[in-house]
Protein backbone atom coordinates (compact mmCIF):
# COMPACT_ATOMS: atom_id res chain seq x y z
CA MET A 1 27.19 69.55 53.75
CA HIS A 2 27.25 67.88 50.34
CA ARG A 3 27.69 71.19 48.41
CA ASP A 4 27.14 69.61 44.97
CA LEU A 5 23.65 68.13 44.96
CA LYS A 6 22.42 67.67 41.39
CA PRO A 7 20.59 64.91 39.52
CA GLY A 8 23.89 63.30 38.50
CA ASN A 9 24.75 62.73 42.16
CA VAL A 10 21.43 61.13 43.12
CA PHE A 11 21.21 57.39 42.47
CA LEU A 12 18.29 54.98 42.53
CA ILE A 13 19.70 51.65 43.72
CA ASN A 14 17.92 48.30 43.44
CA GLU A 15 18.37 46.65 46.83
CA GLY A 16 16.24 43.64 45.87
CA ASP A 17 13.89 44.01 48.84
CA LYS A 18 10.32 42.93 48.04
CA VAL A 19 8.69 45.65 50.16
CA MET A 20 10.94 48.52 49.06
CA PRO A 21 13.12 47.36 46.15
CA TYR A 22 14.68 50.76 45.38
CA VAL A 23 16.45 53.23 47.64
CA VAL A 24 17.83 56.68 46.91
CA ARG A 25 21.52 57.19 47.60
CA LEU A 26 23.74 60.25 47.25
CA GLY A 27 27.14 60.04 45.62
CA ASP A 28 30.18 62.20 44.80
CA PHE A 29 31.16 63.57 48.16
CA GLY A 30 34.32 65.24 46.80
CA LEU A 31 33.10 68.73 47.74
CA ALA A 32 31.35 67.68 50.96
CA ARG A 33 32.45 69.24 54.21
CA GLU A 34 31.67 68.52 57.84
CA VAL A 35 30.57 71.82 59.31
CA ASN A 36 30.01 73.39 62.68
CA SER A 37 28.89 76.90 63.64
CA GLU A 38 32.43 78.31 63.20
CA SER A 39 33.01 76.84 59.75
CA LEU A 40 29.53 77.90 58.59
CA ALA A 41 30.42 81.50 59.39
CA SER A 42 33.22 81.42 56.83
CA MET A 43 31.58 79.29 54.09
CA THR A 44 31.64 81.52 51.00
CA LYS A 45 33.61 79.57 48.39
CA LYS A 46 31.65 79.00 45.18
CA VAL A 47 31.69 75.28 44.52
CA GLY A 48 29.28 72.86 42.92
CA SER A 49 27.10 72.91 39.84
CA ASP A 50 25.90 76.37 38.86
CA LEU A 51 22.20 75.70 38.22
CA TYR A 52 21.68 74.03 41.62
CA GLN A 53 23.36 76.66 43.80
CA SER A 54 21.30 78.76 46.18
CA PRO A 55 21.09 82.54 45.63
CA GLU A 56 23.50 83.24 48.50
CA ARG A 57 26.10 80.90 46.98
CA VAL A 58 25.72 82.47 43.52
CA GLU A 59 26.26 85.92 45.06
CA GLY A 60 29.32 84.78 47.02
CA ARG A 61 27.67 85.36 50.40
CA ARG A 62 27.93 83.05 53.41
CA TYR A 63 25.88 79.91 53.08
CA GLY A 64 25.00 76.95 55.20
CA LYS A 65 23.20 73.64 55.22
CA SER A 66 20.07 75.27 53.78
CA SER A 67 21.92 75.53 50.44
CA ASP A 68 21.74 71.73 50.16
CA ILE A 69 17.99 71.92 50.85
CA TRP A 70 17.68 74.52 48.07
CA ALA A 71 19.46 72.17 45.64
CA LEU A 72 17.17 69.31 46.66
CA GLY A 73 14.15 71.54 45.98
CA VAL A 74 15.50 72.40 42.53
CA ILE A 75 15.98 68.70 41.76
CA LEU A 76 12.42 67.91 42.88
CA MET A 77 11.03 70.77 40.77
CA GLU A 78 12.92 69.42 37.73
CA MET A 79 11.38 66.00 38.35
CA ILE A 80 7.91 67.55 38.44
CA LEU A 81 8.36 69.92 35.50
CA GLY A 82 10.49 67.66 33.33
CA ALA A 83 12.76 70.62 32.54
CA LYS A 84 15.46 72.79 34.08
CA VAL A 85 14.18 75.19 36.73
CA PHE A 86 16.80 77.90 36.16
CA LYS A 87 18.44 78.90 32.89
CA ASN A 88 21.41 80.77 34.40
CA LYS A 89 22.85 82.34 37.58
CA LYS A 90 20.91 85.58 37.02
CA ALA A 91 17.64 83.64 37.16
CA ILE A 92 18.77 82.09 40.46
CA ARG A 93 19.74 85.47 41.97
CA GLU A 94 16.36 86.91 40.99
CA CYS A 95 14.44 83.69 41.80
CA GLN A 96 12.89 83.66 38.32
CA LEU A 97 10.89 80.46 38.51
CA PRO A 98 9.35 78.96 35.38
CA GLN A 99 5.60 79.03 34.79
CA LEU A 100 4.01 76.19 36.71
CA PRO A 101 1.66 73.87 34.80
CA ASP A 102 -2.05 74.27 35.54
CA TRP A 103 -2.26 70.86 37.20
CA LEU A 104 0.32 71.98 39.78
CA ARG A 105 -1.42 75.21 40.86
């Protein structure tokens, strides 16, 4: 698990290929952990960037690999909206999503 997915850790790299010149790479694996079913059962430590944490992480509950998928979803929503998805941890806990633009409905 990466445990700190955020826009600052996602890089667009120019590989110079004519068919696909850019690739997406992840960086900053300082908080990453290799996990198995036993370690997932005890994963409760709050780490990472606040506005990209899943609700279970914000509440201090057990979390797993799906928390990285949540963070990826938040990043994608920010790319679509052009703004932060969540203003604070309370908004994450309550899943208070911003109003979607008409073109996205």
